[in-house]
């Protein structure tokens, strides 16, 4: 898996980890993807989702991230994430220690990245190379206006007068999320601001 995929999966995991309230109430996969298509995230593009293969890839990546999140939340005893297409719901912590011995074919399927790359044997590798560019679309990678750009730099505590590389942006984002994420004692609001600023600058630098 390329570094680009890893970075974008980390980003998707950060977004979904801030959705505990929605998961407690219960939310569908359709609602999650709809949220990811809209500001401040704009991860997916409506037109790209009309392609059946891209739609499958989107579904797979969302479920891949959810199952990874479920493993993490089990370890931290945050709760048990129930995962299906019609309902993703965070249930109370299960005190059972038998998780590793419980067969879960769906989890095994979605956690195995090769099940995504093998779906279209005629050319999926080439499609995956440009997957996120397709999902983002031209309208997502438009330049930010000066006010939004300055706001994003300020939130991430970066100097707008200095050259900013993607590597530095990612490093600063991880640093701030490490200290401000709710799991680290920070607030959901601050973590969301950092996430929004990062996605804005990431798209700006990738345009």
Protein backbone atom coordinates (compact mmCIF):
# COMPACT_ATOMS: atom_id res chain seq x y z
CA UNK A 1 0.00 0.00 0.00
CA UNK A 2 1.43 3.39 -1.00
CA UNK A 3 2.20 6.21 1.41
CA UNK A 4 -0.60 8.23 -0.20
CA UNK A 5 -3.14 5.58 0.70
CA UNK A 6 -1.79 5.29 4.21
CA UNK A 7 -2.00 9.04 4.78
CA UNK A 8 -5.54 9.26 3.44
CA UNK A 9 -6.62 6.25 5.48
CA UNK A 10 -5.15 7.91 8.58
CA UNK A 11 -7.18 11.00 7.70
CA UNK A 12 -10.38 8.99 7.26
CA UNK A 13 -9.74 7.25 10.58
CA UNK A 14 -9.31 10.62 12.28
CA UNK A 15 -12.61 11.82 10.82
CA UNK A 16 -14.53 8.70 11.85
CA UNK A 17 -12.99 8.64 15.32
CA UNK A 18 -14.58 12.04 15.96
CA UNK A 19 -18.02 10.64 15.18
CA UNK A 20 -18.55 8.81 18.47
CA UNK A 21 -21.76 10.73 19.21
CA UNK A 22 -23.22 9.77 15.82
CA UNK A 23 -22.13 6.16 16.30
CA UNK A 24 -23.77 5.97 19.73
CA UNK A 25 -27.02 7.15 18.18
CA UNK A 26 -26.52 4.91 15.15
CA UNK A 27 -25.74 5.96 11.58
CA UNK A 28 -25.87 4.25 8.18
CA UNK A 29 -23.03 3.84 5.70
CA UNK A 30 -24.96 6.07 3.29
CA UNK A 31 -25.08 8.85 5.92
CA UNK A 32 -21.34 8.51 6.59
CA UNK A 33 -20.46 8.77 2.89
CA UNK A 34 -22.87 11.69 2.51
CA UNK A 35 -21.08 13.52 5.34
CA UNK A 36 -17.71 12.80 3.76
CA UNK A 37 -18.91 14.34 0.49
CA UNK A 38 -19.72 17.66 2.15
CA UNK A 39 -17.66 20.42 3.86
CA UNK A 40 -15.47 20.46 5.79
CA UNK A 41 -14.30 17.03 4.62
CA UNK A 42 -15.03 16.80 0.85
CA UNK A 43 -13.31 13.43 0.74
CA UNK A 44 -15.64 11.93 -1.86
CA UNK A 45 -17.17 13.38 -5.01
CA UNK A 46 -20.80 12.82 -6.07
CA UNK A 47 -19.97 12.29 -9.74
CA UNK A 48 -17.22 9.76 -9.01
CA UNK A 49 -19.60 7.69 -6.91
CA UNK A 50 -21.77 7.04 -9.98
CA UNK A 51 -19.08 4.66 -11.24
CA UNK A 52 -19.79 1.18 -9.86
CA UNK A 53 -16.14 0.25 -9.31
CA UNK A 54 -15.34 3.52 -7.54
CA UNK A 55 -18.46 3.09 -5.43
CA UNK A 56 -17.25 -0.36 -4.38
CA UNK A 57 -13.79 1.01 -3.59
CA UNK A 58 -15.37 3.76 -1.48
CA UNK A 59 -17.46 1.21 0.40
CA UNK A 60 -14.44 -1.02 0.97
CA UNK A 61 -12.20 1.76 2.27
CA UNK A 62 -14.89 3.05 4.64
CA UNK A 63 -15.48 -0.44 6.03
CA UNK A 64 -11.72 -1.15 6.17
CA UNK A 65 -11.35 1.96 8.33
CA UNK A 66 -14.36 1.11 10.51
CA UNK A 67 -13.08 -2.38 11.26
CA UNK A 68 -9.66 -0.98 12.17
CA UNK A 69 -11.39 1.54 14.40
CA UNK A 70 -13.40 -1.24 16.02
CA UNK A 71 -10.17 -3.06 16.93
CA UNK A 72 -8.70 0.11 18.43
CA UNK A 73 -11.84 0.94 20.42
CA UNK A 74 -11.97 -2.60 21.78
CA UNK A 75 -8.44 -2.26 23.12
CA UNK A 76 -9.23 1.13 24.66
CA UNK A 77 -12.57 -0.21 25.94
CA UNK A 78 -14.43 2.69 24.36
CA UNK A 79 -17.20 0.41 23.15
CA UNK A 80 -18.11 -2.27 20.64
CA UNK A 81 -18.64 -0.94 17.12
CA UNK A 82 -21.46 -2.76 15.34
CA UNK A 83 -20.85 -2.58 11.59
CA UNK A 84 -23.30 -3.20 8.75
CA UNK A 85 -24.35 -1.29 5.64
CA UNK A 86 -27.61 -0.17 7.24
CA UNK A 87 -26.28 0.58 10.73
CA UNK A 88 -22.96 1.52 12.31
CA UNK A 89 -23.54 1.80 16.04
CA UNK A 90 -21.28 2.09 19.07
CA UNK A 91 -22.57 -0.20 21.80
CA UNK A 92 -21.43 -0.31 25.45
CA UNK A 93 -18.14 -2.03 26.26
CA UNK A 94 -18.34 -5.82 26.16
CA UNK A 95 -16.36 -7.31 29.03
CA UNK A 96 -15.77 -10.55 27.15
CA UNK A 97 -12.14 -11.37 26.47
CA UNK A 98 -13.01 -13.85 23.67
CA UNK A 99 -12.78 -11.41 20.76
CA UNK A 100 -9.75 -13.08 19.12
CA UNK A 101 -11.50 -16.50 19.13
CA UNK A 102 -14.74 -15.30 17.55
CA UNK A 103 -14.87 -15.98 13.81
CA UNK A 104 -15.73 -12.83 11.87
CA UNK A 105 -15.48 -13.47 8.11
CA UNK A 106 -16.66 -9.97 7.21
CA UNK A 107 -13.98 -8.34 9.36
CA UNK A 108 -11.36 -10.65 7.86
CA UNK A 109 -12.52 -9.70 4.37
CA UNK A 110 -12.48 -5.93 4.86
CA UNK A 111 -9.24 -5.89 6.84
CA UNK A 112 -7.46 -7.69 4.01
CA UNK A 113 -6.44 -4.94 1.56
CA UNK A 114 -5.80 -7.52 -1.17
CA UNK A 115 -9.55 -8.11 -1.40
CA UNK A 116 -9.81 -4.57 -2.75
CA UNK A 117 -6.91 -4.74 -5.17
CA UNK A 118 -8.10 -8.11 -6.55
CA UNK A 119 -11.66 -7.01 -7.25
CA UNK A 120 -11.03 -5.93 -10.85
CA UNK A 121 -8.29 -8.10 -12.28
CA UNK A 122 -8.34 -6.23 -15.59
CA UNK A 123 -6.96 -2.94 -14.36
CA UNK A 124 -7.69 -2.19 -10.73
CA UNK A 125 -4.05 -1.39 -9.96
CA UNK A 126 -4.12 1.52 -12.38
CA UNK A 127 -7.48 2.66 -11.05
CA UNK A 128 -6.26 2.51 -7.47
CA UNK A 129 -3.28 4.66 -8.33
CA UNK A 130 -5.63 7.51 -9.17
CA UNK A 131 -8.44 6.57 -6.78
CA UNK A 132 -8.26 9.58 -4.49
CA UNK A 133 -7.80 11.96 -7.39
CA UNK A 134 -11.01 10.58 -8.92
CA UNK A 135 -12.87 10.76 -5.65
CA UNK A 136 -11.73 14.29 -4.97
CA UNK A 137 -12.47 15.71 -8.39
CA UNK A 138 -11.46 19.10 -9.75
CA UNK A 139 -13.99 20.97 -7.64
CA UNK A 140 -12.38 19.74 -4.42
CA UNK A 141 -8.83 20.68 -5.38
CA UNK A 142 -9.62 24.31 -6.06
CA UNK A 143 -7.46 26.97 -4.47
CA UNK A 144 -8.55 28.38 -1.13
CA UNK A 145 -9.32 32.06 -0.88
CA UNK A 146 -6.82 34.13 1.10
CA UNK A 147 -8.93 34.32 4.26
CA UNK A 148 -9.52 30.56 4.45
CA UNK A 149 -5.87 29.94 3.67
CA UNK A 150 -4.66 32.24 6.45
CA UNK A 151 -7.16 30.73 8.89
CA UNK A 152 -5.88 27.24 8.11
CA UNK A 153 -2.27 28.30 8.66
CA UNK A 154 -3.23 29.91 11.97
CA UNK A 155 -5.11 26.86 13.27
CA UNK A 156 -2.15 24.61 12.44
CA UNK A 157 0.30 27.14 13.90
CA UNK A 158 2.23 27.41 10.64
CA UNK A 159 3.91 30.47 9.13
CA UNK A 160 2.09 31.38 5.91
CA UNK A 161 5.12 33.34 4.69
CA UNK A 162 7.31 30.24 4.61
CA UNK A 163 7.33 27.43 2.05
CA UNK A 164 5.10 24.57 3.16
CA UNK A 165 5.64 21.03 1.94
CA UNK A 166 3.19 18.17 2.31
CA UNK A 167 5.69 16.41 4.59
CA UNK A 168 5.83 19.39 6.98
CA UNK A 169 2.04 19.77 6.84
CA UNK A 170 1.49 16.11 7.74
CA UNK A 171 4.07 16.30 10.54
CA UNK A 172 2.45 19.39 12.08
CA UNK A 173 -1.03 17.91 11.74
CA UNK A 174 0.00 14.72 13.56
CA UNK A 175 1.74 16.74 16.26
CA UNK A 176 -1.32 18.90 16.97
CA UNK A 177 -3.79 16.02 16.78
CA UNK A 178 -1.65 14.06 19.21
CA UNK A 179 -2.08 16.77 21.83
CA UNK A 180 -5.59 17.99 20.98
CA UNK A 181 -7.43 14.77 20.10
CA UNK A 182 -10.20 13.79 22.57
CA UNK A 183 -8.36 10.52 23.26
CA UNK A 184 -5.44 12.63 24.52
CA UNK A 185 -7.54 14.89 26.73
CA UNK A 186 -8.34 17.49 24.09
CA UNK A 187 -11.74 18.54 22.76
CA UNK A 188 -13.75 17.32 19.79
CA UNK A 189 -14.21 20.92 18.63
CA UNK A 190 -10.48 21.69 18.56
CA UNK A 191 -9.67 18.40 16.89
CA UNK A 192 -12.28 19.09 14.21
CA UNK A 193 -10.80 22.54 13.54
CA UNK A 194 -7.36 21.01 13.13
CA UNK A 195 -8.75 18.34 10.84
CA UNK A 196 -10.58 20.90 8.69
CA UNK A 197 -7.49 23.11 8.43
CA UNK A 198 -5.36 20.13 7.45
CA UNK A 199 -7.75 18.94 4.73
CA UNK A 200 -8.00 22.46 3.33
CA UNK A 201 -4.22 22.92 3.16
CA UNK A 202 -3.72 19.38 1.86
CA UNK A 203 -6.07 20.07 -1.05
CA UNK A 204 -4.50 23.50 -1.58
CA UNK A 205 -0.99 22.02 -1.85
CA UNK A 206 -2.22 19.17 -4.06
CA UNK A 207 -4.02 21.44 -6.53
